[in-house]
Amino acid sequence: MTTITPELRQAIEQAGDEPVRLLDPLTNTTYVLLCADQYEAEDKAIEAGYLLGEEAFGKAGWDDPQMDDYNDYETRRP
């Protein structure tokens, strides 16, 4: 596991509760560093959202076998 450098610790402290954005100058890619607790809470919130969506869509009739045609819409489109 990589450890936190003093410079990174300073950036984390300055960010407070916000995620820290890191730029890789070689690839110009931005990364986001956040506390593991924040990451896990976000992951659980997303999962809960999917479950609520599945429940709502099921109540709206999306579980009906006739709705399966929509899963293949792109391959059947004229």
N, C-alpha and C. Protein backbone atom coordinates (compact mmCIF):
# COMPACT_ATOMS: atom_id res chain seq x y z
N MET A 1 0.84 -1.16 0.00
CA MET A 1 0.00 0.00 0.00
C MET A 1 0.90 1.24 0.00
N THR A 2 0.53 2.22 -0.77
CA THR A 2 1.27 3.48 -0.82
C THR A 2 0.93 4.33 0.40
N THR A 3 1.93 4.99 0.94
CA THR A 3 1.69 5.84 2.11
C THR A 3 1.53 7.29 1.68
N ILE A 4 0.97 8.08 2.56
CA ILE A 4 0.71 9.48 2.29
C ILE A 4 1.98 10.31 2.53
N THR A 5 2.32 11.11 1.55
CA THR A 5 3.48 12.00 1.68
C THR A 5 3.07 13.22 2.51
N PRO A 6 4.05 13.93 3.03
CA PRO A 6 3.73 15.16 3.77
C PRO A 6 2.95 16.17 2.91
N GLU A 7 3.29 16.29 1.64
CA GLU A 7 2.58 17.22 0.75
C GLU A 7 1.12 16.81 0.58
N LEU A 8 0.90 15.51 0.42
CA LEU A 8 -0.45 15.01 0.26
C LEU A 8 -1.25 15.18 1.56
N ARG A 9 -0.61 14.95 2.69
CA ARG A 9 -1.28 15.15 3.98
C ARG A 9 -1.73 16.60 4.12
N GLN A 10 -0.89 17.53 3.70
CA GLN A 10 -1.24 18.94 3.76
C GLN A 10 -2.46 19.22 2.88
N ALA A 11 -2.48 18.65 1.68
CA ALA A 11 -3.63 18.84 0.78
C ALA A 11 -4.90 18.26 1.38
N ILE A 12 -4.79 17.12 2.04
CA ILE A 12 -5.95 16.48 2.68
C ILE A 12 -6.47 17.37 3.80
N GLU A 13 -5.56 17.90 4.61
CA GLU A 13 -5.96 18.76 5.72
C GLU A 13 -6.61 20.04 5.21
N GLN A 14 -6.09 20.60 4.14
CA GLN A 14 -6.65 21.82 3.57
C GLN A 14 -8.03 21.57 2.97
N ALA A 15 -8.26 20.38 2.46
CA ALA A 15 -9.54 20.06 1.82
C ALA A 15 -10.65 19.84 2.84
N GLY A 16 -10.29 19.54 4.07
CA GLY A 16 -11.32 19.29 5.09
C GLY A 16 -12.09 18.02 4.77
N ASP A 17 -13.40 18.14 4.65
CA ASP A 17 -14.25 16.98 4.35
C ASP A 17 -14.42 16.74 2.86
N GLU A 18 -13.86 17.61 2.05
CA GLU A 18 -14.00 17.47 0.60
C GLU A 18 -12.94 16.52 0.04
N PRO A 19 -13.25 15.85 -1.07
CA PRO A 19 -12.25 15.00 -1.72
C PRO A 19 -11.08 15.85 -2.24
N VAL A 20 -9.92 15.25 -2.36
CA VAL A 20 -8.74 15.93 -2.87
C VAL A 20 -8.56 15.52 -4.33
N ARG A 21 -8.40 16.51 -5.19
CA ARG A 21 -8.15 16.23 -6.61
C ARG A 21 -6.65 16.25 -6.86
N LEU A 22 -6.18 15.22 -7.55
CA LEU A 22 -4.76 15.09 -7.85
C LEU A 22 -4.58 15.03 -9.36
N LEU A 23 -3.67 15.80 -9.88
CA LEU A 23 -3.40 15.81 -11.32
C LEU A 23 -2.08 15.11 -11.59
N ASP A 24 -2.11 14.13 -12.48
CA ASP A 24 -0.89 13.47 -12.94
C ASP A 24 -0.39 14.27 -14.14
N PRO A 25 0.70 15.01 -13.98
CA PRO A 25 1.18 15.86 -15.08
C PRO A 25 1.67 15.09 -16.30
N LEU A 26 2.02 13.82 -16.11
CA LEU A 26 2.49 13.04 -17.26
C LEU A 26 1.35 12.63 -18.18
N THR A 27 0.20 12.32 -17.60
CA THR A 27 -0.93 11.86 -18.40
C THR A 27 -2.06 12.88 -18.46
N ASN A 28 -1.95 13.94 -17.67
CA ASN A 28 -2.99 14.97 -17.56
C ASN A 28 -4.31 14.36 -17.07
N THR A 29 -4.20 13.31 -16.28
CA THR A 29 -5.36 12.64 -15.71
C THR A 29 -5.58 13.16 -14.29
N THR A 30 -6.85 13.43 -13.97
CA THR A 30 -7.19 13.87 -12.62
C THR A 30 -7.72 12.68 -11.83
N TYR A 31 -7.24 12.55 -10.62
CA TYR A 31 -7.69 11.51 -9.71
C TYR A 31 -8.36 12.18 -8.51
N VAL A 32 -9.24 11.45 -7.86
CA VAL A 32 -9.92 11.97 -6.68
C VAL A 32 -9.58 11.07 -5.50
N LEU A 33 -9.09 11.69 -4.45
CA LEU A 33 -8.73 10.98 -3.24
C LEU A 33 -9.75 11.34 -2.18
N LEU A 34 -10.37 10.33 -1.59
CA LEU A 34 -11.29 10.57 -0.49
C LEU A 34 -11.11 9.52 0.57
N CYS A 35 -11.59 9.83 1.75
CA CYS A 35 -11.50 8.93 2.89
C CYS A 35 -12.25 7.64 2.58
N ALA A 36 -11.75 6.50 3.04
CA ALA A 36 -12.40 5.21 2.79
C ALA A 36 -13.83 5.21 3.30
N ASP A 37 -14.09 5.87 4.43
CA ASP A 37 -15.46 5.93 4.95
C ASP A 37 -16.39 6.65 3.98
N GLN A 38 -15.90 7.74 3.37
CA GLN A 38 -16.71 8.46 2.39
C GLN A 38 -16.96 7.60 1.16
N TYR A 39 -15.94 6.90 0.70
CA TYR A 39 -16.06 6.03 -0.47
C TYR A 39 -17.09 4.94 -0.21
N GLU A 40 -17.01 4.29 0.94
CA GLU A 40 -17.92 3.20 1.27
C GLU A 40 -19.35 3.70 1.45
N ALA A 41 -19.52 4.89 2.03
CA ALA A 41 -20.85 5.47 2.19
C ALA A 41 -21.45 5.78 0.83
N GLU A 42 -20.64 6.32 -0.08
CA GLU A 42 -21.12 6.63 -1.43
C GLU A 42 -21.51 5.35 -2.17
N ASP A 43 -20.69 4.32 -2.02
CA ASP A 43 -20.97 3.04 -2.66
C ASP A 43 -22.30 2.47 -2.17
N LYS A 44 -22.54 2.55 -0.86
CA LYS A 44 -23.80 2.06 -0.30
C LYS A 44 -24.98 2.89 -0.78
N ALA A 45 -24.80 4.21 -0.91
CA ALA A 45 -25.88 5.08 -1.38
C ALA A 45 -26.24 4.75 -2.83
N ILE A 46 -25.23 4.51 -3.65
CA ILE A 46 -25.49 4.15 -5.05
C ILE A 46 -26.22 2.82 -5.12
N GLU A 47 -25.79 1.84 -4.34
CA GLU A 47 -26.46 0.54 -4.32
C GLU A 47 -27.91 0.68 -3.89
N ALA A 48 -28.15 1.49 -2.86
CA ALA A 48 -29.52 1.72 -2.39
C ALA A 48 -30.36 2.36 -3.48
N GLY A 49 -29.77 3.27 -4.24
CA GLY A 49 -30.48 3.92 -5.34
C GLY A 49 -30.88 2.93 -6.42
N TYR A 50 -29.98 2.01 -6.74
CA TYR A 50 -30.31 0.98 -7.72
C TYR A 50 -31.47 0.11 -7.23
N LEU A 51 -31.42 -0.26 -5.96
CA LEU A 51 -32.49 -1.10 -5.42
C LEU A 51 -33.83 -0.38 -5.45
N LEU A 52 -33.83 0.91 -5.11
CA LEU A 52 -35.07 1.69 -5.17
C LEU A 52 -35.58 1.79 -6.61
N GLY A 53 -34.66 1.99 -7.54
CA GLY A 53 -35.04 2.07 -8.94
C GLY A 53 -35.64 0.77 -9.44
N GLU A 54 -35.02 -0.35 -9.10
CA GLU A 54 -35.55 -1.65 -9.50
C GLU A 54 -36.94 -1.87 -8.93
N GLU A 55 -37.13 -1.48 -7.68
CA GLU A 55 -38.44 -1.64 -7.05
C GLU A 55 -39.48 -0.78 -7.75
N ALA A 56 -39.14 0.47 -8.03
CA ALA A 56 -40.08 1.38 -8.70
C ALA A 56 -40.40 0.90 -10.11
N PHE A 57 -39.38 0.47 -10.85
CA PHE A 57 -39.62 0.00 -12.21
C PHE A 57 -40.46 -1.27 -12.21
N GLY A 58 -40.23 -2.12 -11.22
CA GLY A 58 -41.04 -3.34 -11.10
C GLY A 58 -42.50 -3.02 -10.89
N LYS A 59 -42.78 -2.05 -10.02
CA LYS A 59 -44.16 -1.64 -9.76
C LYS A 59 -44.79 -1.00 -10.99
N ALA A 60 -43.96 -0.41 -11.85
CA ALA A 60 -44.46 0.25 -13.05
C ALA A 60 -44.66 -0.74 -14.20
N GLY A 61 -44.38 -2.01 -13.96
CA GLY A 61 -44.62 -3.02 -14.99
C GLY A 61 -43.40 -3.41 -15.80
N TRP A 62 -42.22 -2.92 -15.43
CA TRP A 62 -41.02 -3.24 -16.20
C TRP A 62 -40.61 -4.70 -16.05
N ASP A 63 -41.15 -5.39 -15.05
CA ASP A 63 -40.84 -6.82 -14.89
C ASP A 63 -41.67 -7.69 -15.82
N ASP A 64 -42.63 -7.10 -16.49
CA ASP A 64 -43.47 -7.85 -17.43
C ASP A 64 -42.58 -8.40 -18.54
N PRO A 65 -42.71 -9.70 -18.87
CA PRO A 65 -41.87 -10.29 -19.93
C PRO A 65 -41.95 -9.56 -21.26
N GLN A 66 -43.06 -8.92 -21.55
CA GLN A 66 -43.17 -8.17 -22.81
C GLN A 66 -42.20 -6.99 -22.86
N MET A 67 -41.78 -6.52 -21.71
CA MET A 67 -40.85 -5.40 -21.67
C MET A 67 -39.43 -5.83 -22.05
N ASP A 68 -39.18 -7.13 -22.13
CA ASP A 68 -37.85 -7.62 -22.51
C ASP A 68 -37.44 -7.15 -23.90
N ASP A 69 -38.42 -6.84 -24.74
CA ASP A 69 -38.11 -6.33 -26.08
C ASP A 69 -37.26 -5.07 -26.02
N TYR A 70 -37.43 -4.28 -24.98
CA TYR A 70 -36.66 -3.04 -24.86
C TYR A 70 -35.19 -3.31 -24.57
N ASN A 71 -34.88 -4.46 -24.01
CA ASN A 71 -33.48 -4.81 -23.74
C ASN A 71 -32.71 -4.99 -25.04
N ASP A 72 -33.40 -5.43 -26.09
CA ASP A 72 -32.76 -5.69 -27.38
C ASP A 72 -33.13 -4.64 -28.42
N TYR A 73 -33.60 -3.49 -27.98
CA TYR A 73 -34.09 -2.47 -28.91
C TYR A 73 -33.04 -2.08 -29.94
N GLU A 74 -31.81 -1.84 -29.51
CA GLU A 74 -30.77 -1.39 -30.44
C GLU A 74 -30.49 -2.43 -31.52
N THR A 75 -30.54 -3.72 -31.20
CA THR A 75 -30.26 -4.74 -32.20
C THR A 75 -31.44 -4.96 -33.13
N ARG A 76 -32.64 -4.58 -32.71
CA ARG A 76 -33.83 -4.78 -33.54
C ARG A 76 -34.25 -3.52 -34.28
N ARG A 77 -33.62 -2.41 -33.99
CA ARG A 77 -34.02 -1.14 -34.58
C ARG A 77 -33.77 -1.17 -36.09
N PRO A 78 -34.76 -0.68 -36.86
CA PRO A 78 -34.59 -0.69 -38.33
C PRO A 78 -33.52 0.24 -38.81
